């Protein structure tokens, strides 16, 4: 029904497009429908007849095979009977020879004895028995020959019926081929003239198909198509354009989704790598900070670096804990200026130890420090000066005393600056630090 509906819609569209030829097309359509319906009914009838004929031929072939088997059995039995008859005839001939010999012996001797008479009587009885048996075998042979002739006639009749059935089947096959050719011609004509794809639909034998109701339904669909009004002939082109644009946008959308997935995966991988590297670096800095802090303060002083919990490490806040001996501040802001500076210096060197550099410039780092804290500051400079050269800008005398060389700028004449260098150990080269006095 769906196929017929679709064909009706396409046929109606073609009729609307070819309005001047509407009457002719309707007549041709009715003719096509009648021809197709008649061809389908004729093909179904021919198929049913072909199946019945095929079944009859198969049954006849089975009977022919059975009759051939019976004929072969009868032939074999006849052969055996012929062999028995030949044996009997040979025995009779032998008996006749024996009788003739006995008669000659009797004629020659003219002696009659009870023993020979008994022997003659026995031979006569045997001859009678053999003669009777021969007559019976001959009768059986005649009966078998008659039966074989009857079977051969029946086989001829069956073969004739079989040949007639084959001829009927051949005729039916030719008719089926002709019907198929007509159907193909109608399908080609419908596609060429009406752009319709006709399909031959078969229904089960036990299913009732109301073709009249189907034709009425097709007519109702035609009426509905008429009520739709004029056809937009540019609709197909517009649909093609919209479909092409939709496919392009869908492709772009899929590409964007794939790019988004790839980008999110890359970001996730980068975040994981960054988190791993950050946590590793943070742990190294933390350990360095603890050691450096204790070298700047007393060994019993406490310090630590803590990350905010339950937060992405890359976005978490970092708490700096510094508790010199005798103080328990709740915040680093409660420390004195010198303690803050030393804590910041410890953190600076803790970071510096993770990735050291051959040069380091410190500008007025020791400004907030008193003399005791300056000594601690210079002590840590000496500790790291084995691998790094420090350049310290300072005004503190105690820091200058810890340096290996001093570089200063003086103005002996107004408007003329002059660089002054002082080396405290002329025998060795400057290896670790230079202090510039501002």
Protein backbone atom coordinates (compact mmCIF):
# COMPACT_ATOMS: atom_id res chain seq x y z
CA UNK A 1 0.00 0.00 0.00
CA UNK A 2 2.88 2.36 0.89
CA UNK A 3 4.48 1.68 -2.50
CA UNK A 4 1.14 2.34 -4.30
CA UNK A 5 0.68 5.55 -2.30
CA UNK A 6 4.13 6.77 -3.26
CA UNK A 7 3.51 5.89 -6.91
CA UNK A 8 0.20 7.73 -6.80
CA UNK A 9 1.85 10.85 -5.36
CA UNK A 10 4.59 10.85 -7.98
CA UNK A 11 2.02 10.19 -10.77
CA UNK A 12 -0.13 13.06 -9.51
CA UNK A 13 2.91 15.37 -9.49
CA UNK A 14 3.65 14.39 -13.08
CA UNK A 15 -0.01 14.95 -14.07
CA UNK A 16 0.03 18.43 -12.51
CA UNK A 17 3.21 19.27 -14.38
CA UNK A 18 1.83 18.01 -17.67
CA UNK A 19 -1.70 19.40 -17.45
CA UNK A 20 -2.35 19.56 -21.23
CA UNK A 21 -1.78 15.80 -21.50
CA UNK A 22 -3.81 14.90 -18.41
CA UNK A 23 -6.59 12.99 -20.18
CA UNK A 24 -4.17 10.96 -22.29
CA UNK A 25 -2.00 10.12 -19.32
CA UNK A 26 -5.01 9.00 -17.27
CA UNK A 27 -6.12 6.66 -20.07
CA UNK A 28 -2.61 5.26 -20.38
CA UNK A 29 -2.38 4.90 -16.63
CA UNK A 30 -5.67 2.94 -16.51
CA UNK A 31 -4.45 0.76 -19.37
CA UNK A 32 -1.17 0.16 -17.57
CA UNK A 33 -2.99 -0.73 -14.34
CA UNK A 34 -5.32 -3.15 -16.19
CA UNK A 35 -2.41 -4.70 -18.07
CA UNK A 36 -0.36 -5.03 -14.92
CA UNK A 37 -3.28 -6.49 -12.96
CA UNK A 38 -4.11 -8.93 -15.78
CA UNK A 39 -0.45 -9.85 -16.17
CA UNK A 40 -0.12 -10.45 -12.44
CA UNK A 41 -3.26 -12.61 -12.33
CA UNK A 42 -2.21 -14.53 -15.42
CA UNK A 43 1.29 -15.00 -14.01
CA UNK A 44 -0.14 -16.25 -10.70
CA UNK A 45 -2.46 -18.66 -12.54
CA UNK A 46 0.43 -19.86 -14.71
CA UNK A 47 2.63 -20.29 -11.65
CA UNK A 48 -0.11 -22.32 -9.92
CA UNK A 49 -0.60 -24.47 -13.02
CA UNK A 50 3.17 -24.81 -13.38
CA UNK A 51 3.48 -26.01 -9.80
CA UNK A 52 0.64 -28.54 -10.29
CA UNK A 53 2.21 -29.79 -13.51
CA UNK A 54 5.62 -29.99 -11.82
CA UNK A 55 4.16 -32.03 -8.96
CA UNK A 56 2.41 -34.35 -11.46
CA UNK A 57 5.65 -34.75 -13.42
CA UNK A 58 7.53 -35.55 -10.22
CA UNK A 59 4.92 -38.17 -9.28
CA UNK A 60 5.10 -39.69 -12.77
CA UNK A 61 8.88 -39.79 -12.60
CA UNK A 62 8.65 -41.60 -9.29
CA UNK A 63 6.18 -44.11 -10.80
CA UNK A 64 8.45 -44.54 -13.83
CA UNK A 65 11.39 -45.28 -11.55
CA UNK A 66 9.26 -47.78 -9.63
CA UNK A 67 8.05 -49.42 -12.84
CA UNK A 68 11.59 -49.60 -14.15
CA UNK A 69 12.59 -51.30 -10.92
CA UNK A 70 9.70 -53.77 -11.25
CA UNK A 71 10.63 -54.39 -14.89
CA UNK A 72 14.24 -54.97 -13.95
CA UNK A 73 13.17 -57.43 -11.24
CA UNK A 74 10.92 -59.22 -13.72
CA UNK A 75 13.74 -59.34 -16.25
CA UNK A 76 16.08 -60.78 -13.66
CA UNK A 77 13.46 -63.37 -12.71
CA UNK A 78 12.98 -64.19 -16.40
CA UNK A 79 16.70 -64.69 -16.83
CA UNK A 80 16.75 -67.02 -13.87
CA UNK A 81 13.76 -68.91 -15.35
CA UNK A 82 15.55 -69.19 -18.68
CA UNK A 83 18.57 -70.56 -16.95
CA UNK A 84 16.40 -73.09 -15.08
CA UNK A 85 14.71 -74.10 -18.36
CA UNK A 86 18.08 -74.50 -20.03
CA UNK A 87 19.21 -76.72 -17.15
CA UNK A 88 16.01 -78.75 -17.37
CA UNK A 89 16.37 -79.12 -21.13
CA UNK A 90 19.95 -80.22 -20.66
CA UNK A 91 18.81 -82.72 -18.05
CA UNK A 92 16.02 -83.97 -20.38
CA UNK A 93 18.48 -84.35 -23.19
CA UNK A 94 20.74 -86.28 -20.92
CA UNK A 95 17.80 -88.41 -19.75
CA UNK A 96 16.76 -89.06 -23.34
CA UNK A 97 20.31 -90.15 -24.13
CA UNK A 98 20.23 -92.41 -21.13
CA UNK A 99 16.84 -93.84 -22.21
CA UNK A 100 18.10 -94.40 -25.70
CA UNK A 101 21.16 -96.13 -24.38
CA UNK A 102 19.00 -98.28 -22.10
CA UNK A 103 16.69 -99.16 -24.95
CA UNK A 104 19.62 -100.16 -27.10
CA UNK A 105 20.96 -102.29 -24.30
CA UNK A 106 17.48 -103.89 -23.87
CA UNK A 107 17.19 -104.52 -27.61
CA UNK A 108 20.65 -106.01 -27.74
CA UNK A 109 20.32 -108.23 -24.70
CA UNK A 110 16.56 -109.00 -24.97
CA UNK A 111 16.81 -109.70 -21.29
CA UNK A 112 14.04 -108.46 -19.14
CA UNK A 113 14.77 -108.11 -15.44
CA UNK A 114 12.86 -106.69 -12.57
CA UNK A 115 15.71 -104.38 -11.78
CA UNK A 116 15.79 -102.91 -15.28
CA UNK A 117 12.01 -102.65 -15.30
CA UNK A 118 12.08 -100.80 -12.01
CA UNK A 119 14.84 -98.57 -13.36
CA UNK A 120 12.83 -97.94 -16.51
CA UNK A 121 9.76 -97.13 -14.48
CA UNK A 122 11.80 -94.72 -12.36
CA UNK A 123 13.25 -93.05 -15.39
CA UNK A 124 9.82 -92.82 -16.97
CA UNK A 125 8.40 -91.16 -13.85
CA UNK A 126 11.37 -88.79 -13.75
CA UNK A 127 10.80 -87.98 -17.39
CA UNK A 128 7.14 -87.34 -16.68
CA UNK A 129 8.03 -85.08 -13.77
CA UNK A 130 10.55 -83.21 -15.84
CA UNK A 131 8.10 -82.91 -18.66
CA UNK A 132 5.45 -81.50 -16.35
CA UNK A 133 7.99 -79.16 -14.79
CA UNK A 134 9.06 -78.03 -18.22
CA UNK A 135 5.46 -77.28 -19.14
CA UNK A 136 5.03 -75.31 -15.89
CA UNK A 137 8.23 -73.33 -16.50
CA UNK A 138 7.19 -72.58 -20.05
CA UNK A 139 3.80 -71.39 -18.78
CA UNK A 140 5.49 -69.16 -16.18
CA UNK A 141 7.80 -67.88 -18.89
CA UNK A 142 4.85 -66.97 -21.07
CA UNK A 143 3.10 -65.27 -18.14
CA UNK A 144 6.22 -63.28 -17.33
CA UNK A 145 6.64 -62.32 -20.96
CA UNK A 146 3.03 -61.12 -21.06
CA UNK A 147 3.51 -59.17 -17.83
CA UNK A 148 6.76 -57.64 -19.15
CA UNK A 149 4.95 -56.61 -22.31
CA UNK A 150 2.20 -55.05 -20.20
CA UNK A 151 4.81 -53.17 -18.12
CA UNK A 152 6.57 -51.94 -21.26
CA UNK A 153 3.29 -50.63 -22.64
CA UNK A 154 2.58 -48.89 -19.35
CA UNK A 155 6.09 -47.35 -19.38
CA UNK A 156 5.47 -46.09 -22.91
CA UNK A 157 2.19 -44.51 -21.78
CA UNK A 158 3.87 -42.89 -18.79
CA UNK A 159 6.73 -41.64 -20.95
CA UNK A 160 4.22 -40.18 -23.39
CA UNK A 161 2.41 -38.47 -20.49
CA UNK A 162 5.78 -37.22 -19.21
CA UNK A 163 6.68 -35.78 -22.61
CA UNK A 164 3.30 -34.06 -22.77
CA UNK A 165 3.89 -32.59 -19.30
CA UNK A 166 7.34 -31.35 -20.30
CA UNK A 167 5.87 -29.72 -23.37
CA UNK A 168 3.18 -28.08 -21.23
CA UNK A 169 5.83 -26.86 -18.76
CA UNK A 170 7.91 -25.50 -21.64
CA UNK A 171 4.89 -23.65 -23.00
CA UNK A 172 4.18 -22.22 -19.57
CA UNK A 173 7.80 -21.09 -19.22
CA UNK A 174 7.58 -19.34 -22.58
CA UNK A 175 4.39 -17.62 -21.47
CA UNK A 176 6.05 -16.57 -18.18
CA UNK A 177 9.03 -15.14 -20.08
CA UNK A 178 6.63 -13.26 -22.35
CA UNK A 179 4.70 -11.90 -19.35
CA UNK A 180 7.94 -10.83 -17.68
CA UNK A 181 9.00 -9.06 -20.88
CA UNK A 182 5.65 -7.25 -20.97
CA UNK A 183 6.05 -6.27 -17.30
CA UNK A 184 9.55 -4.93 -17.93
CA UNK A 185 8.24 -3.00 -20.93
CA UNK A 186 5.46 -1.49 -18.81
CA UNK A 187 7.96 -0.61 -16.05
CA UNK A 188 10.31 1.06 -18.57
CA UNK A 189 7.41 2.91 -20.14
CA UNK A 190 6.13 4.08 -16.74
CA UNK A 191 9.60 5.26 -15.70
CA UNK A 192 10.30 6.95 -19.04
CA UNK A 193 6.96 8.71 -19.37
CA UNK A 194 5.87 9.16 -15.74
CA UNK A 195 9.13 8.68 -13.78
CA UNK A 196 7.48 5.91 -11.80
CA UNK A 197 9.22 2.84 -10.40
CA UNK A 198 6.71 0.00 -10.80
CA UNK A 199 7.19 -3.10 -8.69
CA UNK A 200 5.34 -6.39 -8.97
CA UNK A 201 4.12 -7.28 -5.51
CA UNK A 202 3.18 -10.84 -4.63
CA UNK A 203 0.74 -11.77 -1.87
CA UNK A 204 0.57 -15.06 0.06
CA UNK A 205 -2.06 -17.47 -1.18
CA UNK A 206 -3.80 -17.50 2.18
CA UNK A 207 -3.99 -13.69 2.35
CA UNK A 208 -6.99 -11.88 0.92
CA UNK A 209 -6.19 -8.67 -0.93
CA UNK A 210 -9.00 -6.26 -1.68
CA UNK A 211 -7.76 -4.55 -4.85
CA UNK A 212 -10.95 -2.55 -5.17
CA UNK A 213 -10.39 -0.99 -1.75
CA UNK A 214 -6.78 -0.24 -2.71
CA UNK A 215 -7.92 1.51 -5.91
CA UNK A 216 -10.41 3.55 -3.87
CA UNK A 217 -7.67 4.53 -1.48
CA UNK A 218 -5.43 5.58 -4.39
CA UNK A 219 -8.26 7.72 -5.72
CA UNK A 220 -8.67 9.37 -2.29
CA UNK A 221 -4.95 10.19 -2.27
CA UNK A 222 -5.28 11.66 -5.73
CA UNK A 223 -8.12 13.87 -4.55
CA UNK A 224 -6.02 15.01 -1.60
CA UNK A 225 -3.13 15.82 -3.93
CA UNK A 226 -5.45 17.88 -6.09
CA UNK A 227 -6.62 19.79 -3.04
CA UNK A 228 -3.03 20.78 -2.24
CA UNK A 229 -3.05 23.35 -5.01
CA UNK A 230 -0.27 24.40 -7.36
CA UNK A 231 3.13 22.71 -7.19
CA UNK A 232 6.27 24.65 -6.34
CA UNK A 233 8.62 23.48 -9.10
CA UNK A 234 11.60 25.17 -7.44
CA UNK A 235 11.03 23.27 -4.19
CA UNK A 236 13.38 20.46 -5.18
CA UNK A 237 16.21 22.88 -6.04
CA UNK A 238 15.61 24.79 -2.82
CA UNK A 239 15.61 21.53 -0.91
CA UNK A 240 18.89 20.52 -2.58
CA UNK A 241 20.47 23.85 -1.62
CA UNK A 242 19.25 23.59 1.96
CA UNK A 243 20.37 19.95 2.16
CA UNK A 244 23.84 20.86 0.86
CA UNK A 245 24.08 23.74 3.34
CA UNK A 246 22.81 21.49 6.15
CA UNK A 247 25.41 18.84 5.31
CA UNK A 248 28.13 21.50 5.24
CA UNK A 249 27.04 22.94 8.58
CA UNK A 250 26.73 19.44 10.05
CA UNK A 251 30.25 18.65 8.89
CA UNK A 252 31.54 21.90 10.38
CA UNK A 253 29.65 21.19 13.61
CA UNK A 254 31.11 17.69 13.82
CA UNK A 255 34.59 19.10 13.15
CA UNK A 256 34.09 21.63 15.93
CA UNK A 257 32.93 18.89 18.31
CA UNK A 258 35.96 16.79 17.42
CA UNK A 259 38.25 19.81 17.84
CA UNK A 260 36.59 20.57 21.17
CA UNK A 261 37.10 16.98 22.33
CA UNK A 262 40.74 17.06 21.19
CA UNK A 263 41.29 20.44 22.83
CA UNK A 264 39.66 19.33 26.09
CA UNK A 265 41.73 16.16 26.07
CA UNK A 266 44.88 18.20 25.43
CA UNK A 267 43.97 20.66 28.19
CA UNK A 268 43.27 17.78 30.55
CA UNK A 269 46.62 16.21 29.67
CA UNK A 270 48.39 19.56 30.11
CA UNK A 271 46.62 20.13 33.44
CA UNK A 272 47.57 16.70 34.69
CA UNK A 273 51.18 17.18 33.58
CA UNK A 274 51.24 20.70 35.05
CA UNK A 275 49.73 19.48 38.32
CA UNK A 276 52.27 16.68 38.52
CA UNK A 277 55.19 19.00 37.73
CA UNK A 278 53.84 21.69 40.07
CA UNK A 279 53.42 19.26 42.97
CA UNK A 280 56.90 17.85 42.40
CA UNK A 281 58.42 21.34 42.21
CA UNK A 282 56.36 22.56 45.17
CA UNK A 283 57.57 19.66 47.32
CA UNK A 284 61.21 20.42 46.38
CA UNK A 285 60.72 24.12 47.16
CA UNK A 286 59.04 23.22 50.46
CA UNK A 287 61.97 21.07 51.56
CA UNK A 288 64.46 23.71 50.45
CA UNK A 289 62.45 26.39 52.24
CA UNK A 290 62.50 24.42 55.51
CA UNK A 291 66.26 23.87 55.31
CA UNK A 292 67.05 27.45 54.24
CA UNK A 293 64.74 28.92 56.87
CA UNK A 294 66.46 26.95 59.63
CA UNK A 295 69.88 28.12 58.40
CA UNK A 296 68.73 31.75 58.55
CA UNK A 297 66.99 31.35 61.89
CA UNK A 298 67.64 28.82 64.65
CA UNK A 299 67.41 25.05 64.06
CA UNK A 300 64.39 24.82 66.37
CA UNK A 301 62.35 27.37 64.43
CA UNK A 302 59.36 26.08 62.45
CA UNK A 303 58.32 26.88 58.89
CA UNK A 304 56.31 25.25 56.16
CA UNK A 305 54.50 25.78 52.83
CA UNK A 306 50.91 24.53 52.63
CA UNK A 307 48.54 24.22 49.68
CA UNK A 308 44.84 24.89 50.00
CA UNK A 309 43.05 21.57 50.35
CA UNK A 310 40.31 20.22 48.03
CA UNK A 311 41.24 22.73 45.33
CA UNK A 312 43.02 22.39 42.00
CA UNK A 313 46.74 22.65 42.87
CA UNK A 314 47.28 25.06 39.98
CA UNK A 315 44.68 27.46 41.43
CA UNK A 316 45.08 26.75 45.13
CA UNK A 317 46.32 29.39 47.55
CA UNK A 318 49.74 28.86 49.17
CA UNK A 319 50.11 29.54 52.89
CA UNK A 320 53.59 30.46 54.22
CA UNK A 321 54.03 29.32 57.81
CA UNK A 322 56.95 30.87 59.75
CA UNK A 323 57.23 30.49 63.53
CA UNK A 324 60.52 31.70 65.05
CA UNK A 325 61.35 30.36 68.48
CA UNK A 326 59.38 32.08 71.20
CA UNK A 327 56.68 33.32 68.80
CA UNK A 328 53.47 31.68 67.61
CA UNK A 329 52.06 34.15 65.09
CA UNK A 330 48.81 33.24 63.40
CA UNK A 331 49.89 35.04 60.21
CA UNK A 332 53.19 35.92 58.60
CA UNK A 333 52.06 39.54 58.68
CA UNK A 334 52.56 39.52 62.47
CA UNK A 335 56.35 39.00 62.11
CA UNK A 336 58.79 41.85 62.33
CA UNK A 337 60.25 43.48 59.23
CA UNK A 338 63.56 41.59 59.57
CA UNK A 339 61.80 38.26 60.09
CA UNK A 340 59.61 38.89 57.05
CA UNK A 341 62.72 39.71 54.99
CA UNK A 342 64.57 36.60 56.14
CA UNK A 343 61.49 34.47 55.46
CA UNK A 344 61.19 35.96 51.97
CA UNK A 345 64.93 35.40 51.44
CA UNK A 346 64.57 31.77 52.53
CA UNK A 347 61.69 31.30 50.09
CA UNK A 348 63.68 33.03 47.35
CA UNK A 349 66.67 30.73 47.83
CA UNK A 350 64.37 27.71 48.13
CA UNK A 351 62.99 28.49 44.67
CA UNK A 352 66.49 29.31 43.43
CA UNK A 353 67.78 25.86 44.52
CA UNK A 354 65.22 24.09 42.35
CA UNK A 355 66.70 25.69 39.23
CA UNK A 356 69.97 27.45 40.11
CA UNK A 357 71.62 30.09 37.94
CA UNK A 358 75.33 31.04 37.63
CA UNK A 359 74.48 34.71 38.39
CA UNK A 360 72.14 36.29 40.94
CA UNK A 361 71.50 40.02 41.51
CA UNK A 362 70.08 41.19 44.86
CA UNK A 363 68.99 44.82 45.19
CA UNK A 364 68.78 46.27 48.73
CA UNK A 365 67.63 42.93 50.16
CA UNK A 366 69.39 43.62 53.47
CA UNK A 367 67.86 47.08 54.00
CA UNK A 368 65.30 46.00 56.67
CA UNK A 369 67.77 43.77 58.53
CA UNK A 370 69.62 44.56 61.75
CA UNK A 371 73.25 43.61 62.27
CA UNK A 372 72.50 40.08 63.60
CA UNK A 373 70.21 39.30 60.68
CA UNK A 374 72.71 40.80 58.19
CA UNK A 375 75.28 38.30 59.49
CA UNK A 376 72.81 35.50 58.84
CA UNK A 377 72.15 36.90 55.37
CA UNK A 378 75.84 37.09 54.47
CA UNK A 379 76.38 33.62 55.88
CA UNK A 380 73.86 32.10 53.46
CA UNK A 381 75.43 34.09 50.62
CA UNK A 382 78.79 32.48 51.37
CA UNK A 383 77.09 29.07 51.46
CA UNK A 384 75.71 29.43 47.94
CA UNK A 385 78.64 31.38 46.46
CA UNK A 386 80.50 28.18 45.60
CA UNK A 387 78.25 27.64 42.58
CA UNK A 388 76.74 31.08 41.97
CA UNK A 389 78.19 34.57 41.62
CA UNK A 390 76.12 37.10 43.60
CA UNK A 391 75.90 40.80 42.77
CA UNK A 392 74.43 42.67 45.74
CA UNK A 393 73.36 46.30 45.63
CA UNK A 394 73.59 47.57 49.24
CA UNK A 395 74.45 50.39 51.62
CA UNK A 396 75.05 48.14 54.63
CA UNK A 397 78.65 48.11 55.82
CA UNK A 398 78.49 44.59 57.26
CA UNK A 399 77.31 43.29 53.88
CA UNK A 400 80.18 45.14 52.20
CA UNK A 401 82.65 43.56 54.63
CA UNK A 402 81.51 40.08 53.55
CA UNK A 403 82.15 40.81 49.85
CA UNK A 404 85.26 39.83 47.90
CA UNK A 405 85.19 43.00 45.80
CA UNK A 406 83.55 46.40 45.90
CA UNK A 407 82.49 48.46 42.93
CA UNK A 408 81.48 52.06 43.59
CA UNK A 409 80.83 55.24 41.67
CA UNK A 410 82.41 58.54 42.80
CA UNK A 411 82.37 62.06 41.43
CA UNK A 412 85.78 63.74 42.05
CA UNK A 413 84.84 66.53 39.72
CA UNK A 414 81.37 67.91 39.39
CA UNK A 415 79.53 66.26 36.54
CA UNK A 416 82.18 63.54 36.03
CA UNK A 417 81.45 60.06 37.43
CA UNK A 418 84.21 57.55 38.01
CA UNK A 419 84.09 53.79 38.77
CA UNK A 420 86.19 52.69 41.79
CA UNK A 421 87.08 49.01 42.38
CA UNK A 422 88.45 47.52 45.58
CA UNK A 423 89.50 43.90 45.81
CA UNK A 424 90.03 42.51 49.28
CA UNK A 425 92.04 39.48 48.13
CA UNK A 426 94.30 40.30 45.15
CA UNK A 427 95.69 36.71 45.06
CA UNK A 428 92.40 35.11 44.10
CA UNK A 429 89.83 35.87 41.46
CA UNK A 430 86.40 37.07 42.28
CA UNK A 431 84.30 33.87 42.36
CA UNK A 432 81.10 34.50 44.22
CA UNK A 433 79.87 38.04 44.91
CA UNK A 434 80.16 41.69 43.99
CA UNK A 435 78.53 44.45 45.91
CA UNK A 436 77.68 47.73 44.25
CA UNK A 437 77.43 50.69 46.59
CA UNK A 438 74.76 53.04 45.53
